[in-house]
Amino acid sequence: MTENEFQSRLATLLGQIDSLPEDQRPKLAKLAAETQSRHQRMKKTISELQESLDHLRLSVKYLVFDLEATRRENKYLRNMLESENPGGEGAD
């Protein structure tokens, strides 16, 4: 259900509640208001979760980039050490 559909159905429900007898309105109006409040909180929570996921994805990309750079640096340094000492460290 899209946001527009939800708002439309909620407005329809509120209109139907207004047409009920006076003694039945308060309880149903309260439930409709709670539903709307929960919907708003849910939307806010989903938005915050989406932002957190986006941040996590970006952080993981940076970490992968850093890991790959570190591996390249390690390989380069190992090659430098091997070219400086071709016989190995234990050859006497």
N, C-alpha and C. Protein backbone atom coordinates (compact mmCIF):
# COMPACT_ATOMS: atom_id res chain seq x y z
N MET A 1 0.85 -1.17 0.00
CA MET A 1 0.00 0.00 0.00
C MET A 1 0.90 1.24 0.00
N THR A 2 0.62 2.13 -0.89
CA THR A 2 1.41 3.35 -0.97
C THR A 2 0.96 4.35 0.10
N GLU A 3 1.76 5.38 0.27
CA GLU A 3 1.44 6.41 1.26
C GLU A 3 0.12 7.10 0.91
N ASN A 4 -0.09 7.38 -0.36
CA ASN A 4 -1.33 8.04 -0.78
C ASN A 4 -2.55 7.16 -0.51
N GLU A 5 -2.40 5.86 -0.78
CA GLU A 5 -3.51 4.94 -0.51
C GLU A 5 -3.83 4.91 0.98
N PHE A 6 -2.78 4.85 1.80
CA PHE A 6 -2.99 4.81 3.25
C PHE A 6 -3.72 6.06 3.71
N GLN A 7 -3.22 7.23 3.28
CA GLN A 7 -3.86 8.48 3.70
C GLN A 7 -5.31 8.56 3.21
N SER A 8 -5.55 8.09 2.00
CA SER A 8 -6.91 8.10 1.45
C SER A 8 -7.83 7.20 2.26
N ARG A 9 -7.37 6.00 2.56
CA ARG A 9 -8.19 5.06 3.34
C ARG A 9 -8.42 5.57 4.76
N LEU A 10 -7.37 6.19 5.33
CA LEU A 10 -7.53 6.73 6.68
C LEU A 10 -8.55 7.87 6.68
N ALA A 11 -8.50 8.72 5.67
CA ALA A 11 -9.47 9.81 5.57
C ALA A 11 -10.88 9.25 5.40
N THR A 12 -11.03 8.21 4.60
CA THR A 12 -12.33 7.57 4.43
C THR A 12 -12.82 7.00 5.76
N LEU A 13 -11.92 6.35 6.47
CA LEU A 13 -12.27 5.77 7.77
C LEU A 13 -12.70 6.86 8.75
N LEU A 14 -11.96 7.96 8.78
CA LEU A 14 -12.32 9.05 9.68
C LEU A 14 -13.69 9.63 9.31
N GLY A 15 -13.96 9.71 8.01
CA GLY A 15 -15.28 10.18 7.57
C GLY A 15 -16.38 9.24 8.01
N GLN A 16 -16.13 7.94 7.93
CA GLN A 16 -17.13 6.96 8.37
C GLN A 16 -17.32 7.03 9.88
N ILE A 17 -16.22 7.27 10.60
CA ILE A 17 -16.32 7.38 12.07
C ILE A 17 -17.17 8.59 12.44
N ASP A 18 -17.00 9.68 11.71
CA ASP A 18 -17.78 10.89 11.99
C ASP A 18 -19.28 10.68 11.75
N SER A 19 -19.62 9.71 10.92
CA SER A 19 -21.04 9.47 10.65
C SER A 19 -21.68 8.50 11.66
N LEU A 20 -20.87 7.97 12.56
CA LEU A 20 -21.40 7.04 13.57
C LEU A 20 -22.13 7.81 14.68
N PRO A 21 -22.92 7.10 15.45
CA PRO A 21 -23.56 7.74 16.61
C PRO A 21 -22.50 8.27 17.59
N GLU A 22 -22.85 9.31 18.29
CA GLU A 22 -21.91 10.02 19.18
C GLU A 22 -21.23 9.11 20.20
N ASP A 23 -21.95 8.13 20.73
CA ASP A 23 -21.38 7.27 21.76
C ASP A 23 -20.34 6.29 21.22
N GLN A 24 -20.32 6.05 19.92
CA GLN A 24 -19.35 5.11 19.33
C GLN A 24 -18.11 5.80 18.76
N ARG A 25 -18.17 7.09 18.57
CA ARG A 25 -17.08 7.81 17.90
C ARG A 25 -15.77 7.85 18.66
N PRO A 26 -15.77 8.20 19.95
CA PRO A 26 -14.48 8.43 20.62
C PRO A 26 -13.51 7.24 20.57
N LYS A 27 -14.02 6.06 20.82
CA LYS A 27 -13.14 4.88 20.84
C LYS A 27 -12.54 4.63 19.46
N LEU A 28 -13.36 4.67 18.42
CA LEU A 28 -12.87 4.44 17.06
C LEU A 28 -11.98 5.58 16.58
N ALA A 29 -12.29 6.80 16.95
CA ALA A 29 -11.45 7.94 16.57
C ALA A 29 -10.08 7.81 17.23
N LYS A 30 -10.07 7.35 18.48
CA LYS A 30 -8.80 7.15 19.19
C LYS A 30 -7.97 6.07 18.49
N LEU A 31 -8.61 4.98 18.10
CA LEU A 31 -7.91 3.91 17.40
C LEU A 31 -7.35 4.39 16.05
N ALA A 32 -8.12 5.19 15.34
CA ALA A 32 -7.66 5.73 14.06
C ALA A 32 -6.47 6.67 14.28
N ALA A 33 -6.53 7.49 15.32
CA ALA A 33 -5.42 8.40 15.62
C ALA A 33 -4.16 7.61 16.01
N GLU A 34 -4.33 6.55 16.79
CA GLU A 34 -3.20 5.70 17.16
C GLU A 34 -2.60 5.03 15.92
N THR A 35 -3.46 4.61 15.02
CA THR A 35 -2.98 3.99 13.77
C THR A 35 -2.16 4.98 12.96
N GLN A 36 -2.65 6.20 12.86
CA GLN A 36 -1.92 7.22 12.12
C GLN A 36 -0.59 7.52 12.80
N SER A 37 -0.60 7.60 14.12
CA SER A 37 0.64 7.86 14.87
C SER A 37 1.65 6.73 14.67
N ARG A 38 1.19 5.50 14.74
CA ARG A 38 2.08 4.35 14.53
C ARG A 38 2.64 4.34 13.12
N HIS A 39 1.79 4.70 12.17
CA HIS A 39 2.24 4.75 10.78
C HIS A 39 3.35 5.79 10.61
N GLN A 40 3.19 6.94 11.22
CA GLN A 40 4.22 7.99 11.14
C GLN A 40 5.51 7.53 11.80
N ARG A 41 5.40 6.88 12.97
CA ARG A 41 6.60 6.37 13.65
C ARG A 41 7.29 5.30 12.81
N MET A 42 6.48 4.44 12.18
CA MET A 42 7.04 3.38 11.34
C MET A 42 7.78 3.98 10.14
N LYS A 43 7.18 5.00 9.52
CA LYS A 43 7.83 5.67 8.40
C LYS A 43 9.16 6.29 8.83
N LYS A 44 9.15 6.92 10.00
CA LYS A 44 10.38 7.54 10.52
C LYS A 44 11.44 6.47 10.80
N THR A 45 11.04 5.38 11.41
CA THR A 45 11.98 4.29 11.72
C THR A 45 12.56 3.69 10.45
N ILE A 46 11.72 3.47 9.46
CA ILE A 46 12.19 2.91 8.18
C ILE A 46 13.18 3.87 7.52
N SER A 47 12.88 5.14 7.58
CA SER A 47 13.78 6.14 7.00
C SER A 47 15.13 6.13 7.72
N GLU A 48 15.10 6.06 9.05
CA GLU A 48 16.35 6.00 9.82
C GLU A 48 17.12 4.72 9.51
N LEU A 49 16.42 3.61 9.37
CA LEU A 49 17.08 2.35 9.03
C LEU A 49 17.72 2.44 7.65
N GLN A 50 17.03 3.06 6.71
CA GLN A 50 17.57 3.21 5.37
C GLN A 50 18.84 4.06 5.39
N GLU A 51 18.82 5.13 6.17
CA GLU A 51 20.02 5.97 6.31
C GLU A 51 21.16 5.17 6.94
N SER A 52 20.85 4.39 7.95
CA SER A 52 21.88 3.57 8.60
C SER A 52 22.46 2.54 7.63
N LEU A 53 21.60 1.92 6.83
CA LEU A 53 22.07 0.95 5.84
C LEU A 53 22.95 1.62 4.79
N ASP A 54 22.54 2.81 4.35
CA ASP A 54 23.36 3.54 3.38
C ASP A 54 24.73 3.86 3.96
N HIS A 55 24.75 4.29 5.22
CA HIS A 55 26.03 4.58 5.88
C HIS A 55 26.87 3.31 6.02
N LEU A 56 26.23 2.22 6.38
CA LEU A 56 26.94 0.95 6.52
C LEU A 56 27.53 0.50 5.19
N ARG A 57 26.75 0.62 4.12
CA ARG A 57 27.26 0.25 2.79
C ARG A 57 28.48 1.07 2.42
N LEU A 58 28.41 2.37 2.67
CA LEU A 58 29.54 3.23 2.36
C LEU A 58 30.76 2.86 3.20
N SER A 59 30.55 2.60 4.48
CA SER A 59 31.65 2.20 5.36
C SER A 59 32.29 0.91 4.89
N VAL A 60 31.47 -0.05 4.48
CA VAL A 60 32.01 -1.33 3.99
C VAL A 60 32.82 -1.10 2.72
N LYS A 61 32.35 -0.23 1.83
CA LYS A 61 33.11 0.07 0.62
C LYS A 61 34.47 0.66 0.95
N TYR A 62 34.51 1.59 1.92
CA TYR A 62 35.79 2.16 2.34
C TYR A 62 36.69 1.10 2.95
N LEU A 63 36.12 0.22 3.76
CA LEU A 63 36.92 -0.83 4.38
C LEU A 63 37.49 -1.79 3.34
N VAL A 64 36.70 -2.16 2.35
CA VAL A 64 37.17 -3.04 1.28
C VAL A 64 38.29 -2.35 0.50
N PHE A 65 38.09 -1.07 0.20
CA PHE A 65 39.12 -0.31 -0.51
C PHE A 65 40.41 -0.29 0.30
N ASP A 66 40.30 -0.03 1.61
CA ASP A 66 41.48 0.01 2.47
C ASP A 66 42.15 -1.35 2.55
N LEU A 67 41.37 -2.42 2.63
CA LEU A 67 41.93 -3.77 2.67
C LEU A 67 42.70 -4.08 1.39
N GLU A 68 42.10 -3.74 0.24
CA GLU A 68 42.78 -4.00 -1.02
C GLU A 68 44.06 -3.19 -1.13
N ALA A 69 44.03 -1.94 -0.68
CA ALA A 69 45.24 -1.10 -0.71
C ALA A 69 46.31 -1.68 0.20
N THR A 70 45.92 -2.15 1.36
CA THR A 70 46.87 -2.75 2.30
C THR A 70 47.49 -4.02 1.71
N ARG A 71 46.68 -4.82 1.05
CA ARG A 71 47.22 -6.04 0.41
C ARG A 71 48.22 -5.68 -0.68
N ARG A 72 47.89 -4.66 -1.49
CA ARG A 72 48.82 -4.24 -2.54
C ARG A 72 50.12 -3.73 -1.93
N GLU A 73 50.03 -2.95 -0.86
CA GLU A 73 51.22 -2.44 -0.19
C GLU A 73 52.05 -3.59 0.38
N ASN A 74 51.40 -4.56 1.01
CA ASN A 74 52.12 -5.71 1.57
C ASN A 74 52.84 -6.50 0.47
N LYS A 75 52.17 -6.72 -0.64
CA LYS A 75 52.78 -7.44 -1.75
C LYS A 75 53.99 -6.68 -2.29
N TYR A 76 53.84 -5.36 -2.44
CA TYR A 76 54.94 -4.53 -2.92
C TYR A 76 56.13 -4.59 -1.97
N LEU A 77 55.86 -4.48 -0.65
CA LEU A 77 56.94 -4.51 0.33
C LEU A 77 57.61 -5.89 0.39
N ARG A 78 56.82 -6.96 0.26
CA ARG A 78 57.41 -8.30 0.24
C ARG A 78 58.33 -8.47 -0.98
N ASN A 79 57.87 -7.97 -2.12
CA ASN A 79 58.71 -8.03 -3.32
C ASN A 79 60.00 -7.24 -3.13
N MET A 80 59.92 -6.09 -2.48
CA MET A 80 61.12 -5.30 -2.21
C MET A 80 62.08 -6.05 -1.31
N LEU A 81 61.55 -6.68 -0.25
CA LEU A 81 62.40 -7.44 0.67
C LEU A 81 63.04 -8.63 -0.03
N GLU A 82 62.30 -9.33 -0.87
CA GLU A 82 62.84 -10.48 -1.58
C GLU A 82 63.91 -10.06 -2.58
N SER A 83 63.75 -8.90 -3.20
CA SER A 83 64.77 -8.46 -4.17
C SER A 83 66.02 -7.98 -3.47
N GLU A 84 65.91 -7.49 -2.23
CA GLU A 84 67.09 -7.06 -1.46
C GLU A 84 67.83 -8.26 -0.89
N ASN A 85 67.14 -9.32 -0.59
CA ASN A 85 67.74 -10.50 0.03
C ASN A 85 67.27 -11.73 -0.75
N PRO A 86 67.82 -11.95 -1.96
CA PRO A 86 67.34 -13.04 -2.80
C PRO A 86 67.58 -14.44 -2.21
N GLY A 87 68.60 -14.65 -1.39
CA GLY A 87 68.90 -15.99 -0.85
C GLY A 87 68.09 -16.33 0.37
N GLY A 88 67.35 -15.42 0.92
CA GLY A 88 66.58 -15.67 2.13
C GLY A 88 67.37 -15.25 3.34
N GLU A 89 66.74 -15.18 4.48
CA GLU A 89 67.39 -14.70 5.70
C GLU A 89 68.27 -15.75 6.36
N GLY A 90 68.02 -17.01 6.19
CA GLY A 90 68.72 -18.06 6.91
C GLY A 90 69.93 -18.60 6.17
N ALA A 91 70.37 -18.05 5.04
CA ALA A 91 71.49 -18.60 4.28
C ALA A 91 72.80 -18.08 4.81
N ASP A 92 73.65 -18.94 5.43
CA ASP A 92 74.98 -18.58 5.92
C ASP A 92 76.04 -19.40 5.29
